[in-house]
């Protein structure tokens, strides 16, 4: 099988550790510049928005709108959020990632397609202790550009879409384009993916809460094909 993973909240536990720390770093930097108040209650409102937003970009825009912060600060914040990760920013793998990925690569081809700046995304893999050599390719794309990336990988490997599994947490961004191509889709129901509603169920073939459950999914797929 050809297994294509999302990165954030699929392989790296971004929502729990990395994003809150990055948001605090950005908020404190802008507070020093006088762009935001620096009041802790203000930061708590930022974290509350983070819990219900589809992306860090959306989080920051909603926060700035709520507090009537100007567009220049909006742009500064976004640039900093998606800028390089400082050594102080924690990055941890999702539970089971370090164990299951080396096992999967023995029988399957693995790849990553992630929304984000390439340097930051690859830095997350490294800081999380995930060996990038396990993956055939790591593609970093802009929001809304995952479908062409999936098509590129499928064409390069010359593999039937029935042999392709796409695993991600955000259904609309990660799985809908994969399902439109005919791939099998696995929803990682964690991080931002925990907010997805049942309206997306037609685009989901399997649901996982832990990456270790992927082995069971692969076994189910094999059994179905043998019947």
N, C-alpha and C. Protein backbone atom coordinates (compact mmCIF):
# COMPACT_ATOMS: atom_id res chain seq x y z
N UNK A 1 0.83 -1.19 0.00
CA UNK A 1 0.00 0.00 0.00
C UNK A 1 0.88 1.25 0.00
N UNK A 2 0.33 2.31 -0.55
CA UNK A 2 0.99 3.61 -0.54
C UNK A 2 0.23 4.47 0.46
N UNK A 3 0.87 4.79 1.59
CA UNK A 3 0.20 5.51 2.68
C UNK A 3 0.71 6.94 2.73
N UNK A 4 -0.21 7.90 2.54
CA UNK A 4 0.14 9.31 2.56
C UNK A 4 -0.40 9.93 3.85
N UNK A 5 0.49 10.49 4.64
CA UNK A 5 0.12 11.07 5.93
C UNK A 5 0.08 12.60 5.84
N UNK A 6 -0.85 13.18 6.57
CA UNK A 6 -0.75 14.58 6.94
C UNK A 6 0.31 14.65 8.04
N UNK A 7 0.76 15.86 8.37
CA UNK A 7 1.78 16.00 9.42
C UNK A 7 1.19 16.44 10.75
N UNK A 8 0.61 17.65 10.78
CA UNK A 8 0.15 18.23 12.04
C UNK A 8 -1.07 17.48 12.59
N UNK A 9 -0.93 17.02 13.82
CA UNK A 9 -1.97 16.27 14.54
C UNK A 9 -2.26 14.91 13.92
N UNK A 10 -1.40 14.48 13.01
CA UNK A 10 -1.47 13.12 12.49
C UNK A 10 -0.19 12.37 12.84
N UNK A 11 0.95 12.99 12.59
CA UNK A 11 2.25 12.44 13.01
C UNK A 11 2.87 13.23 14.15
N UNK A 12 2.60 14.54 14.17
CA UNK A 12 3.15 15.42 15.21
C UNK A 12 1.99 16.02 16.00
N UNK A 13 2.10 16.00 17.32
CA UNK A 13 1.01 16.47 18.18
C UNK A 13 1.05 18.00 18.28
N UNK A 14 0.68 18.65 17.20
CA UNK A 14 0.82 20.09 17.08
C UNK A 14 -0.14 20.85 17.98
N UNK A 15 -1.40 20.48 18.00
CA UNK A 15 -2.41 21.27 18.72
C UNK A 15 -2.19 21.28 20.23
N UNK A 16 -1.64 20.19 20.76
CA UNK A 16 -1.45 20.10 22.21
C UNK A 16 -0.23 20.87 22.68
N UNK A 17 0.86 20.79 21.93
CA UNK A 17 2.13 21.34 22.39
C UNK A 17 2.62 22.52 21.55
N UNK A 18 2.80 22.29 20.27
CA UNK A 18 3.52 23.25 19.44
C UNK A 18 2.75 24.56 19.22
N UNK A 19 1.50 24.44 18.79
CA UNK A 19 0.75 25.66 18.45
C UNK A 19 0.51 26.56 19.64
N UNK A 20 0.06 26.06 20.81
CA UNK A 20 -0.11 26.97 21.95
C UNK A 20 1.19 27.70 22.33
N UNK A 21 2.32 26.97 22.28
CA UNK A 21 3.60 27.61 22.61
C UNK A 21 3.98 28.65 21.57
N UNK A 22 3.72 28.34 20.31
CA UNK A 22 4.02 29.29 19.24
C UNK A 22 3.14 30.53 19.35
N UNK A 23 1.85 30.33 19.65
CA UNK A 23 0.95 31.46 19.81
C UNK A 23 1.38 32.36 20.97
N UNK A 24 1.83 31.75 22.07
CA UNK A 24 2.31 32.57 23.20
C UNK A 24 3.56 33.35 22.80
N UNK A 25 4.45 32.71 22.10
CA UNK A 25 5.68 33.38 21.66
C UNK A 25 5.35 34.60 20.79
N UNK A 26 4.42 34.41 19.85
CA UNK A 26 4.03 35.50 18.96
C UNK A 26 3.31 36.60 19.73
N UNK A 27 2.38 36.19 20.59
CA UNK A 27 1.61 37.16 21.38
C UNK A 27 2.53 37.99 22.27
N UNK A 28 3.49 37.37 22.92
CA UNK A 28 4.42 38.09 23.80
C UNK A 28 5.31 39.03 22.99
N UNK A 29 5.74 38.59 21.81
CA UNK A 29 6.57 39.45 20.97
C UNK A 29 5.80 40.70 20.53
N UNK A 30 4.54 40.51 20.17
CA UNK A 30 3.73 41.65 19.74
C UNK A 30 3.33 42.53 20.92
N UNK A 31 3.22 41.94 22.10
CA UNK A 31 2.95 42.74 23.30
C UNK A 31 4.14 43.67 23.59
N UNK A 32 5.35 43.16 23.38
CA UNK A 32 6.54 44.00 23.60
C UNK A 32 6.59 45.17 22.61
N UNK A 33 6.00 44.97 21.45
CA UNK A 33 5.95 46.02 20.44
C UNK A 33 4.75 46.95 20.64
N UNK A 34 3.90 46.62 21.63
CA UNK A 34 2.72 47.41 21.90
C UNK A 34 1.55 47.15 20.97
N UNK A 35 1.62 46.05 20.21
CA UNK A 35 0.56 45.72 19.25
C UNK A 35 -0.64 45.07 19.94
N UNK A 36 -0.39 44.35 21.03
CA UNK A 36 -1.47 43.75 21.83
C UNK A 36 -1.26 44.16 23.28
N UNK A 37 -2.25 43.93 24.12
CA UNK A 37 -2.21 44.48 25.49
C UNK A 37 -1.19 43.80 26.40
N UNK A 38 -0.98 42.50 26.20
CA UNK A 38 -0.10 41.76 27.09
C UNK A 38 -0.80 41.23 28.33
N UNK A 39 -2.11 41.41 28.40
CA UNK A 39 -2.88 40.92 29.55
C UNK A 39 -3.13 39.42 29.38
N UNK A 40 -2.96 38.64 30.46
CA UNK A 40 -3.12 37.19 30.38
C UNK A 40 -4.52 36.77 29.96
N UNK A 41 -5.53 37.56 30.35
CA UNK A 41 -6.89 37.25 29.95
C UNK A 41 -7.02 37.30 28.43
N UNK A 42 -6.28 38.21 27.82
CA UNK A 42 -6.27 38.32 26.37
C UNK A 42 -5.67 37.05 25.75
N UNK A 43 -4.59 36.57 26.35
CA UNK A 43 -3.98 35.35 25.82
C UNK A 43 -4.89 34.15 26.00
N UNK A 44 -5.61 34.09 27.11
CA UNK A 44 -6.54 32.98 27.32
C UNK A 44 -7.64 32.99 26.26
N UNK A 45 -8.05 34.18 25.84
CA UNK A 45 -9.06 34.25 24.77
C UNK A 45 -8.47 33.74 23.46
N UNK A 46 -7.17 33.96 23.26
CA UNK A 46 -6.50 33.45 22.06
C UNK A 46 -6.47 31.93 22.06
N UNK A 47 -6.17 31.32 23.21
CA UNK A 47 -6.16 29.87 23.31
C UNK A 47 -7.55 29.28 23.12
N UNK A 48 -8.57 29.96 23.63
CA UNK A 48 -9.95 29.48 23.45
C UNK A 48 -10.31 29.45 21.97
N UNK A 49 -9.88 30.44 21.22
CA UNK A 49 -10.14 30.46 19.78
C UNK A 49 -9.36 29.34 19.08
N UNK A 50 -8.15 29.08 19.53
CA UNK A 50 -7.32 28.01 18.98
C UNK A 50 -8.04 26.66 19.04
N UNK A 51 -8.79 26.45 20.11
CA UNK A 51 -9.45 25.16 20.32
C UNK A 51 -10.58 24.92 19.32
N UNK A 52 -11.09 25.97 18.70
CA UNK A 52 -12.25 25.81 17.81
C UNK A 52 -11.98 26.28 16.38
N UNK A 53 -10.73 26.61 16.06
CA UNK A 53 -10.40 27.12 14.73
C UNK A 53 -9.82 26.01 13.86
N UNK A 54 -9.96 26.17 12.55
CA UNK A 54 -9.46 25.17 11.62
C UNK A 54 -7.96 25.26 11.39
N UNK A 55 -7.37 26.41 11.70
CA UNK A 55 -5.94 26.61 11.49
C UNK A 55 -5.43 27.72 12.40
N UNK A 56 -4.11 27.81 12.52
CA UNK A 56 -3.52 28.89 13.32
C UNK A 56 -3.78 30.24 12.67
N UNK A 57 -3.80 30.26 11.35
CA UNK A 57 -4.10 31.50 10.64
C UNK A 57 -5.50 32.01 11.01
N UNK A 58 -6.47 31.07 10.99
CA UNK A 58 -7.84 31.44 11.36
C UNK A 58 -7.91 31.88 12.81
N UNK A 59 -7.20 31.19 13.70
CA UNK A 59 -7.16 31.56 15.12
C UNK A 59 -6.73 33.02 15.28
N UNK A 60 -5.62 33.36 14.63
CA UNK A 60 -5.07 34.70 14.80
C UNK A 60 -5.99 35.76 14.21
N UNK A 61 -6.57 35.47 13.05
CA UNK A 61 -7.48 36.45 12.44
C UNK A 61 -8.72 36.66 13.32
N UNK A 62 -9.27 35.60 13.88
CA UNK A 62 -10.43 35.73 14.75
C UNK A 62 -10.07 36.53 16.00
N UNK A 63 -8.90 36.26 16.55
CA UNK A 63 -8.44 36.96 17.74
C UNK A 63 -8.31 38.46 17.46
N UNK A 64 -7.68 38.80 16.34
CA UNK A 64 -7.48 40.21 16.01
C UNK A 64 -8.81 40.92 15.75
N UNK A 65 -9.75 40.21 15.13
CA UNK A 65 -11.06 40.79 14.89
C UNK A 65 -11.80 41.04 16.21
N UNK A 66 -11.72 40.04 17.12
CA UNK A 66 -12.40 40.16 18.42
C UNK A 66 -11.88 41.35 19.21
N UNK A 67 -10.57 41.59 19.13
CA UNK A 67 -9.96 42.65 19.92
C UNK A 67 -9.70 43.92 19.11
N UNK A 68 -10.28 43.96 17.91
CA UNK A 68 -10.18 45.15 17.05
C UNK A 68 -8.74 45.56 16.81
N UNK A 69 -7.94 44.57 16.49
CA UNK A 69 -6.52 44.78 16.20
C UNK A 69 -6.36 44.97 14.70
N UNK A 70 -5.54 45.91 14.29
CA UNK A 70 -5.40 46.28 12.88
C UNK A 70 -4.75 45.23 12.01
N UNK A 71 -4.92 45.43 10.69
CA UNK A 71 -4.43 44.47 9.70
C UNK A 71 -2.92 44.31 9.72
N UNK A 72 -2.20 45.37 10.04
CA UNK A 72 -0.74 45.25 10.08
C UNK A 72 -0.30 44.24 11.13
N UNK A 73 -0.99 44.24 12.27
CA UNK A 73 -0.70 43.27 13.33
C UNK A 73 -1.14 41.87 12.91
N UNK A 74 -2.24 41.79 12.19
CA UNK A 74 -2.70 40.50 11.67
C UNK A 74 -1.59 39.87 10.84
N UNK A 75 -1.04 40.65 9.92
CA UNK A 75 -0.01 40.13 9.02
C UNK A 75 1.29 39.81 9.77
N UNK A 76 1.66 40.66 10.72
CA UNK A 76 2.87 40.38 11.52
C UNK A 76 2.71 39.06 12.26
N UNK A 77 1.54 38.87 12.87
CA UNK A 77 1.30 37.65 13.63
C UNK A 77 1.36 36.41 12.76
N UNK A 78 0.74 36.47 11.58
CA UNK A 78 0.74 35.32 10.68
C UNK A 78 2.16 34.98 10.22
N UNK A 79 2.93 36.00 9.89
CA UNK A 79 4.32 35.77 9.47
C UNK A 79 5.12 35.10 10.57
N UNK A 80 4.90 35.52 11.80
CA UNK A 80 5.63 34.93 12.92
C UNK A 80 5.16 33.53 13.24
N UNK A 81 3.84 33.30 13.16
CA UNK A 81 3.30 31.98 13.45
C UNK A 81 3.88 30.93 12.50
N UNK A 82 4.01 31.31 11.23
CA UNK A 82 4.50 30.36 10.23
C UNK A 82 5.99 30.52 9.95
N UNK A 83 6.65 31.27 10.80
CA UNK A 83 8.09 31.43 10.68
C UNK A 83 8.85 30.30 11.36
N UNK A 84 10.16 30.41 11.42
CA UNK A 84 11.00 29.34 12.00
C UNK A 84 10.61 29.03 13.44
N UNK A 85 10.79 27.78 13.82
CA UNK A 85 10.53 27.35 15.19
C UNK A 85 11.74 27.63 16.05
N UNK A 86 11.55 28.35 17.14
CA UNK A 86 12.65 28.60 18.05
C UNK A 86 12.93 27.33 18.86
N UNK A 87 14.13 27.20 19.44
CA UNK A 87 14.45 26.01 20.24
C UNK A 87 13.51 25.81 21.42
N UNK A 88 12.86 26.88 21.86
CA UNK A 88 11.96 26.77 23.02
C UNK A 88 10.61 26.15 22.68
N UNK A 89 10.27 26.06 21.41
CA UNK A 89 8.96 25.54 21.01
C UNK A 89 8.98 24.02 21.08
N UNK A 90 8.10 23.41 21.88
CA UNK A 90 8.10 21.94 21.99
C UNK A 90 7.43 21.29 20.78
N UNK A 91 8.01 20.21 20.32
CA UNK A 91 7.42 19.42 19.23
C UNK A 91 7.50 17.95 19.63
N UNK A 92 6.36 17.28 19.71
CA UNK A 92 6.32 15.89 20.13
C UNK A 92 5.56 15.06 19.09
N UNK A 93 5.96 13.81 18.90
CA UNK A 93 5.21 12.94 17.99
C UNK A 93 3.89 12.53 18.63
N UNK A 94 2.91 12.19 17.81
CA UNK A 94 1.69 11.63 18.38
C UNK A 94 2.03 10.27 18.97
N UNK A 95 1.29 9.80 19.97
CA UNK A 95 1.58 8.50 20.57
C UNK A 95 1.64 7.39 19.52
N UNK A 96 2.69 6.62 19.58
CA UNK A 96 2.83 5.46 18.69
C UNK A 96 3.55 5.72 17.38
N UNK A 97 3.76 6.99 17.03
CA UNK A 97 4.37 7.31 15.73
C UNK A 97 5.78 6.74 15.60
N UNK A 98 6.58 6.90 16.63
CA UNK A 98 7.97 6.45 16.55
C UNK A 98 8.08 4.93 16.46
N UNK A 99 7.05 4.25 16.93
CA UNK A 99 7.07 2.79 16.88
C UNK A 99 6.50 2.24 15.57
N UNK A 100 5.39 2.81 15.11
CA UNK A 100 4.69 2.20 13.99
C UNK A 100 5.29 2.56 12.63
N UNK A 101 5.85 3.75 12.47
CA UNK A 101 6.35 4.15 11.16
C UNK A 101 7.49 3.25 10.66
N UNK A 102 8.50 2.93 11.49
CA UNK A 102 9.54 2.01 11.00
C UNK A 102 9.00 0.63 10.66
N UNK A 103 7.92 0.22 11.32
CA UNK A 103 7.31 -1.08 11.00
C UNK A 103 6.56 -1.01 9.68
N UNK A 104 5.82 0.07 9.47
CA UNK A 104 5.04 0.21 8.24
C UNK A 104 5.92 0.24 7.00
N UNK A 105 7.07 0.91 7.10
CA UNK A 105 7.91 1.09 5.92
C UNK A 105 8.51 -0.22 5.44
N UNK A 106 8.45 -1.27 6.25
CA UNK A 106 8.94 -2.58 5.83
C UNK A 106 8.08 -3.18 4.73
N UNK A 107 6.78 -2.86 4.72
CA UNK A 107 5.86 -3.44 3.75
C UNK A 107 5.15 -2.43 2.88
N UNK A 108 5.21 -1.15 3.24
CA UNK A 108 4.45 -0.14 2.54
C UNK A 108 5.34 1.05 2.17
N UNK A 109 4.88 1.84 1.21
CA UNK A 109 5.57 3.10 0.86
C UNK A 109 4.86 4.23 1.60
N UNK A 110 5.64 5.08 2.26
CA UNK A 110 5.08 6.17 3.06
C UNK A 110 5.45 7.51 2.45
N UNK A 111 4.54 8.48 2.60
CA UNK A 111 4.80 9.84 2.15
C UNK A 111 4.08 10.80 3.09
N UNK A 112 4.46 12.07 3.01
CA UNK A 112 3.81 13.13 3.79
C UNK A 112 3.40 14.26 2.85
N UNK A 113 2.15 14.70 2.98
CA UNK A 113 1.69 15.91 2.30
C UNK A 113 1.13 16.83 3.38
N UNK A 114 1.75 17.97 3.57
CA UNK A 114 1.41 18.86 4.68
C UNK A 114 1.20 20.29 4.19
N UNK A 115 0.25 20.97 4.79
CA UNK A 115 0.05 22.40 4.52
C UNK A 115 1.00 23.18 5.43
N UNK A 116 1.83 24.02 4.85
CA UNK A 116 2.73 24.82 5.66
C UNK A 116 4.03 25.12 4.94
N UNK A 117 4.85 25.95 5.59
CA UNK A 117 6.14 26.33 5.04
C UNK A 117 7.10 25.15 5.19
N UNK A 118 7.81 24.82 4.13
CA UNK A 118 8.61 23.59 4.10
C UNK A 118 9.63 23.52 5.23
N UNK A 119 10.36 24.60 5.47
CA UNK A 119 11.37 24.57 6.51
C UNK A 119 10.78 24.30 7.88
N UNK A 120 9.64 24.94 8.19
CA UNK A 120 9.02 24.73 9.49
C UNK A 120 8.48 23.32 9.61
N UNK A 121 7.85 22.81 8.57
CA UNK A 121 7.25 21.48 8.65
C UNK A 121 8.32 20.39 8.80
N UNK A 122 9.40 20.50 8.06
CA UNK A 122 10.47 19.51 8.17
C UNK A 122 11.18 19.62 9.52
N UNK A 123 11.23 20.85 10.04
CA UNK A 123 11.81 21.05 11.37
C UNK A 123 10.97 20.34 12.43
N UNK A 124 9.65 20.35 12.26
CA UNK A 124 8.77 19.66 13.20
C UNK A 124 9.07 18.15 13.22
N UNK A 125 9.24 17.57 12.05
CA UNK A 125 9.56 16.15 11.97
C UNK A 125 10.86 15.85 12.72
N UNK A 126 11.86 16.68 12.47
CA UNK A 126 13.16 16.46 13.10
C UNK A 126 13.07 16.60 14.62
N UNK A 127 12.41 17.67 15.08
CA UNK A 127 12.32 17.90 16.52
C UNK A 127 11.47 16.84 17.22
N UNK A 128 10.52 16.26 16.47
CA UNK A 128 9.69 15.19 17.04
C UNK A 128 10.40 13.85 17.06
N UNK A 129 11.58 13.79 16.45
CA UNK A 129 12.34 12.54 16.43
C UNK A 129 11.89 11.56 15.37
N UNK A 130 11.16 12.04 14.36
CA UNK A 130 10.68 11.18 13.28
C UNK A 130 11.68 11.23 12.13
N UNK A 131 12.16 10.08 11.73
CA UNK A 131 13.18 9.96 10.69
C UNK A 131 12.58 10.27 9.32
N UNK A 132 13.00 11.36 8.70
CA UNK A 132 12.43 11.76 7.41
C UNK A 132 12.77 10.78 6.30
N UNK A 133 13.81 9.96 6.49
CA UNK A 133 14.19 9.00 5.45
C UNK A 133 13.18 7.86 5.33
N UNK A 134 12.24 7.77 6.27
CA UNK A 134 11.19 6.74 6.18
C UNK A 134 10.20 7.04 5.06
N UNK A 135 10.21 8.29 4.57
CA UNK A 135 9.19 8.71 3.61
C UNK A 135 9.76 8.83 2.19
N UNK A 136 9.00 8.32 1.25
CA UNK A 136 9.36 8.43 -0.16
C UNK A 136 9.50 9.91 -0.54
N UNK A 137 8.55 10.72 -0.11
CA UNK A 137 8.62 12.16 -0.34
C UNK A 137 7.88 12.89 0.76
N UNK A 138 8.30 14.13 1.03
CA UNK A 138 7.61 15.03 1.95
C UNK A 138 7.28 16.29 1.15
N UNK A 139 6.00 16.50 0.89
CA UNK A 139 5.57 17.65 0.11
C UNK A 139 4.87 18.65 1.02
N UNK A 140 5.27 19.91 0.96
CA UNK A 140 4.65 20.98 1.72
C UNK A 140 3.95 21.91 0.74
N UNK A 141 2.65 22.10 0.94
CA UNK A 141 1.84 22.83 -0.03
C UNK A 141 1.04 23.93 0.65
N UNK A 142 0.45 24.78 -0.16
CA UNK A 142 -0.43 25.82 0.35
C UNK A 142 -1.80 25.23 0.65
N UNK A 143 -2.56 25.93 1.49
CA UNK A 143 -3.93 25.51 1.81
C UNK A 143 -4.73 25.33 0.51
N UNK A 144 -5.46 24.21 0.44
CA UNK A 144 -6.29 23.94 -0.72
C UNK A 144 -5.56 23.28 -1.87
N UNK A 145 -4.28 22.93 -1.69
CA UNK A 145 -3.50 22.35 -2.78
C UNK A 145 -3.09 20.91 -2.52
N UNK A 146 -3.81 20.23 -1.66
CA UNK A 146 -3.43 18.84 -1.38
C UNK A 146 -3.80 17.89 -2.52
N UNK A 147 -4.91 18.14 -3.17
CA UNK A 147 -5.34 17.23 -4.24
C UNK A 147 -4.29 17.12 -5.35
N UNK A 148 -3.76 18.24 -5.87
CA UNK A 148 -2.70 18.12 -6.87
C UNK A 148 -1.47 17.39 -6.34
N UNK A 149 -1.16 17.57 -5.06
CA UNK A 149 0.00 16.88 -4.46
C UNK A 149 -0.24 15.38 -4.43
N UNK A 150 -1.47 14.97 -4.04
CA UNK A 150 -1.79 13.54 -4.05
C UNK A 150 -1.66 12.98 -5.47
N UNK A 151 -2.19 13.72 -6.44
CA UNK A 151 -2.13 13.26 -7.83
C UNK A 151 -0.69 13.11 -8.31
N UNK A 152 0.16 14.06 -7.92
CA UNK A 152 1.57 13.99 -8.30
C UNK A 152 2.23 12.74 -7.75
N UNK A 153 2.00 12.46 -6.47
CA UNK A 153 2.60 11.27 -5.86
C UNK A 153 2.09 9.98 -6.50
N UNK A 154 0.80 9.92 -6.74
CA UNK A 154 0.20 8.73 -7.34
C UNK A 154 0.76 8.48 -8.74
N UNK A 155 0.92 9.54 -9.50
CA UNK A 155 1.46 9.41 -10.86
C UNK A 155 2.93 9.02 -10.82
N UNK A 156 3.68 9.62 -9.91
CA UNK A 156 5.12 9.31 -9.81
C UNK A 156 5.34 7.84 -9.45
N UNK A 157 4.54 7.34 -8.53
CA UNK A 157 4.70 5.94 -8.10
C UNK A 157 3.99 4.97 -9.01
N UNK A 158 3.19 5.53 -9.94
CA UNK A 158 2.43 4.70 -10.89
C UNK A 158 1.64 3.62 -10.15
N UNK A 159 0.86 4.07 -9.17
CA UNK A 159 0.09 3.16 -8.33
C UNK A 159 -1.40 3.39 -8.54
N UNK A 160 -2.17 2.31 -8.48
CA UNK A 160 -3.62 2.41 -8.57
C UNK A 160 -4.16 3.11 -7.33
N UNK A 161 -5.15 3.99 -7.50
CA UNK A 161 -5.69 4.71 -6.34
C UNK A 161 -6.27 3.76 -5.30
N UNK A 162 -6.67 2.56 -5.71
CA UNK A 162 -7.19 1.59 -4.75
C UNK A 162 -6.11 1.10 -3.79
N UNK A 163 -4.86 1.36 -4.14
CA UNK A 163 -3.73 0.98 -3.28
C UNK A 163 -3.25 2.15 -2.42
N UNK A 164 -3.96 3.28 -2.47
CA UNK A 164 -3.52 4.48 -1.76
C UNK A 164 -4.41 4.75 -0.55
N UNK A 165 -3.77 4.97 0.59
CA UNK A 165 -4.46 5.34 1.82
C UNK A 165 -3.98 6.73 2.22
N UNK A 166 -4.92 7.61 2.52
CA UNK A 166 -4.57 8.95 2.99
C UNK A 166 -5.07 9.10 4.42
N UNK A 167 -4.17 9.50 5.31
CA UNK A 167 -4.47 9.61 6.73
C UNK A 167 -4.25 11.05 7.19
N UNK A 168 -5.32 11.67 7.74
CA UNK A 168 -5.19 13.04 8.20
C UNK A 168 -6.26 13.39 9.20
N UNK A 169 -6.09 14.53 9.88
CA UNK A 169 -7.05 14.92 10.93
C UNK A 169 -8.14 15.85 10.42
N UNK A 170 -7.85 16.67 9.41
CA UNK A 170 -8.85 17.62 8.92
C UNK A 170 -9.53 17.04 7.67
N UNK A 171 -10.79 16.70 7.82
CA UNK A 171 -11.49 16.00 6.74
C UNK A 171 -11.56 16.85 5.49
N UNK A 172 -11.98 18.11 5.62
CA UNK A 172 -12.17 18.95 4.45
C UNK A 172 -10.86 19.17 3.70
N UNK A 173 -9.79 19.38 4.44
CA UNK A 173 -8.49 19.68 3.82
C UNK A 173 -7.75 18.43 3.38
N UNK A 174 -7.75 17.40 4.23
CA UNK A 174 -6.92 16.22 4.00
C UNK A 174 -7.64 15.09 3.24
N UNK A 175 -8.89 14.83 3.64
CA UNK A 175 -9.55 13.62 3.17
C UNK A 175 -10.52 13.81 2.01
N UNK A 176 -11.21 14.92 1.96
CA UNK A 176 -12.15 15.14 0.86
C UNK A 176 -11.45 15.06 -0.49
N UNK A 177 -10.31 15.76 -0.69
CA UNK A 177 -9.64 15.64 -1.99
C UNK A 177 -9.13 14.23 -2.28
N UNK A 178 -8.74 13.50 -1.23
CA UNK A 178 -8.28 12.12 -1.42
C UNK A 178 -9.43 11.23 -1.84
N UNK A 179 -10.58 11.41 -1.20
CA UNK A 179 -11.76 10.60 -1.53
C UNK A 179 -12.23 10.89 -2.95
N UNK A 180 -12.13 12.15 -3.37
CA UNK A 180 -12.51 12.51 -4.74
C UNK A 180 -11.64 11.80 -5.77
N UNK A 181 -10.42 11.45 -5.38
CA UNK A 181 -9.52 10.73 -6.29
C UNK A 181 -9.73 9.22 -6.24
N UNK A 182 -10.51 8.75 -5.24
CA UNK A 182 -10.77 7.32 -5.12
C UNK A 182 -9.90 6.61 -4.11
N UNK A 183 -9.15 7.38 -3.29
CA UNK A 183 -8.28 6.79 -2.27
C UNK A 183 -9.10 6.33 -1.06
N UNK A 184 -8.53 5.42 -0.27
CA UNK A 184 -9.09 5.06 1.03
C UNK A 184 -8.69 6.13 2.03
N UNK A 185 -9.63 6.56 2.87
CA UNK A 185 -9.35 7.66 3.79
C UNK A 185 -9.45 7.23 5.25
N UNK A 186 -8.49 7.71 6.05
CA UNK A 186 -8.44 7.44 7.49
C UNK A 186 -8.47 8.77 8.22
N UNK A 187 -9.47 8.94 9.07
CA UNK A 187 -9.58 10.17 9.83
C UNK A 187 -8.94 10.02 11.20
N UNK A 188 -7.88 10.80 11.45
CA UNK A 188 -7.27 10.86 12.77
C UNK A 188 -8.10 11.82 13.62
N UNK A 189 -8.93 11.30 14.49
CA UNK A 189 -9.84 12.14 15.28
C UNK A 189 -9.13 12.63 16.52
N UNK A 190 -8.23 13.59 16.30
CA UNK A 190 -7.49 14.21 17.39
C UNK A 190 -7.09 15.61 16.92
N UNK A 191 -6.63 16.44 17.84
CA UNK A 191 -6.25 17.78 17.45
C UNK A 191 -7.41 18.53 16.84
N UNK A 192 -7.17 19.24 15.75
CA UNK A 192 -8.23 19.97 15.09
C UNK A 192 -9.27 19.02 14.49
N UNK A 193 -8.86 17.80 14.21
CA UNK A 193 -9.78 16.82 13.65
C UNK A 193 -10.89 16.42 14.59
N UNK A 194 -10.70 16.65 15.88
CA UNK A 194 -11.74 16.31 16.84
C UNK A 194 -12.97 17.19 16.68
N UNK A 195 -12.82 18.32 15.98
CA UNK A 195 -13.93 19.24 15.79
C UNK A 195 -14.79 18.92 14.58
N UNK A 196 -14.36 17.97 13.75
CA UNK A 196 -15.11 17.67 12.54
C UNK A 196 -16.46 17.06 12.86
N UNK A 197 -17.48 17.42 12.06
CA UNK A 197 -18.84 16.98 12.30
C UNK A 197 -19.23 15.83 11.38
N UNK A 198 -20.37 15.21 11.68
CA UNK A 198 -20.82 14.03 10.94
C UNK A 198 -21.15 14.32 9.48
N UNK A 199 -21.26 15.59 9.11
CA UNK A 199 -21.55 15.92 7.72
C UNK A 199 -20.47 15.38 6.79
N UNK A 200 -19.28 15.13 7.32
CA UNK A 200 -18.17 14.67 6.50
C UNK A 200 -18.05 13.14 6.42
N UNK A 201 -18.93 12.42 7.08
CA UNK A 201 -18.80 10.96 7.15
C UNK A 201 -18.69 10.29 5.78
N UNK A 202 -19.39 10.76 4.73
CA UNK A 202 -19.25 10.10 3.42
C UNK A 202 -17.81 10.11 2.88
N UNK A 203 -16.98 10.98 3.42
CA UNK A 203 -15.60 11.07 2.95
C UNK A 203 -14.62 10.27 3.81
N UNK A 204 -15.14 9.59 4.80
CA UNK A 204 -14.30 8.87 5.76
C UNK A 204 -14.55 7.37 5.66
N UNK A 205 -13.48 6.61 5.42
CA UNK A 205 -13.60 5.14 5.39
C UNK A 205 -13.32 4.52 6.75
N UNK A 206 -12.36 5.07 7.47
CA UNK A 206 -12.00 4.56 8.79
C UNK A 206 -11.71 5.73 9.72
N UNK A 207 -11.95 5.52 11.02
CA UNK A 207 -11.67 6.53 12.03
C UNK A 207 -10.65 5.98 13.03
N UNK A 208 -9.63 6.78 13.30
CA UNK A 208 -8.61 6.40 14.28
C UNK A 208 -8.53 7.46 15.38
N UNK A 209 -8.30 7.02 16.59
CA UNK A 209 -7.99 7.95 17.68
C UNK A 209 -6.52 7.85 18.08
N UNK A 210 -5.89 6.76 17.72
CA UNK A 210 -4.47 6.56 17.97
C UNK A 210 -3.83 5.97 16.73
N UNK A 211 -2.61 6.38 16.41
CA UNK A 211 -1.95 5.92 15.20
C UNK A 211 -1.71 4.41 15.20
N UNK A 212 -1.58 3.83 16.38
CA UNK A 212 -1.37 2.39 16.48
C UNK A 212 -2.53 1.60 15.86
N UNK A 213 -3.71 2.21 15.82
CA UNK A 213 -4.85 1.54 15.23
C UNK A 213 -4.74 1.34 13.73
N UNK A 214 -3.75 1.96 13.10
CA UNK A 214 -3.56 1.83 11.66
C UNK A 214 -3.28 0.38 11.27
N UNK A 215 -2.58 -0.35 12.11
CA UNK A 215 -2.28 -1.76 11.80
C UNK A 215 -3.56 -2.57 11.68
N UNK A 216 -4.52 -2.31 12.54
CA UNK A 216 -5.80 -3.00 12.49
C UNK A 216 -6.56 -2.63 11.21
N UNK A 217 -6.49 -1.37 10.82
CA UNK A 217 -7.15 -0.92 9.59
C UNK A 217 -6.55 -1.64 8.38
N UNK A 218 -5.24 -1.72 8.34
CA UNK A 218 -4.58 -2.40 7.22
C UNK A 218 -4.97 -3.87 7.17
N UNK A 219 -5.09 -4.48 8.33
CA UNK A 219 -5.52 -5.89 8.37
C UNK A 219 -6.95 -6.03 7.85
N UNK A 220 -7.82 -5.09 8.22
CA UNK A 220 -9.20 -5.11 7.74
C UNK A 220 -9.26 -4.98 6.23
N UNK A 221 -8.47 -4.09 5.68
CA UNK A 221 -8.42 -3.89 4.23
C UNK A 221 -7.96 -5.15 3.53
N UNK A 222 -6.92 -5.80 4.07
CA UNK A 222 -6.43 -7.04 3.47
C UNK A 222 -7.49 -8.13 3.51
N UNK A 223 -8.17 -8.26 4.64
CA UNK A 223 -9.20 -9.29 4.77
C UNK A 223 -10.35 -9.07 3.80
N UNK A 224 -10.75 -7.84 3.61
CA UNK A 224 -11.83 -7.54 2.70
C UNK A 224 -11.48 -7.93 1.27
N UNK A 225 -10.23 -7.74 0.92
CA UNK A 225 -9.80 -8.05 -0.45
C UNK A 225 -9.68 -9.55 -0.69
N UNK A 226 -9.49 -10.28 0.38
CA UNK A 226 -9.36 -11.73 0.24
C UNK A 226 -10.71 -12.44 0.21
N UNK A 227 -11.77 -11.74 0.58
CA UNK A 227 -13.09 -12.35 0.61
C UNK A 227 -13.70 -12.43 -0.79
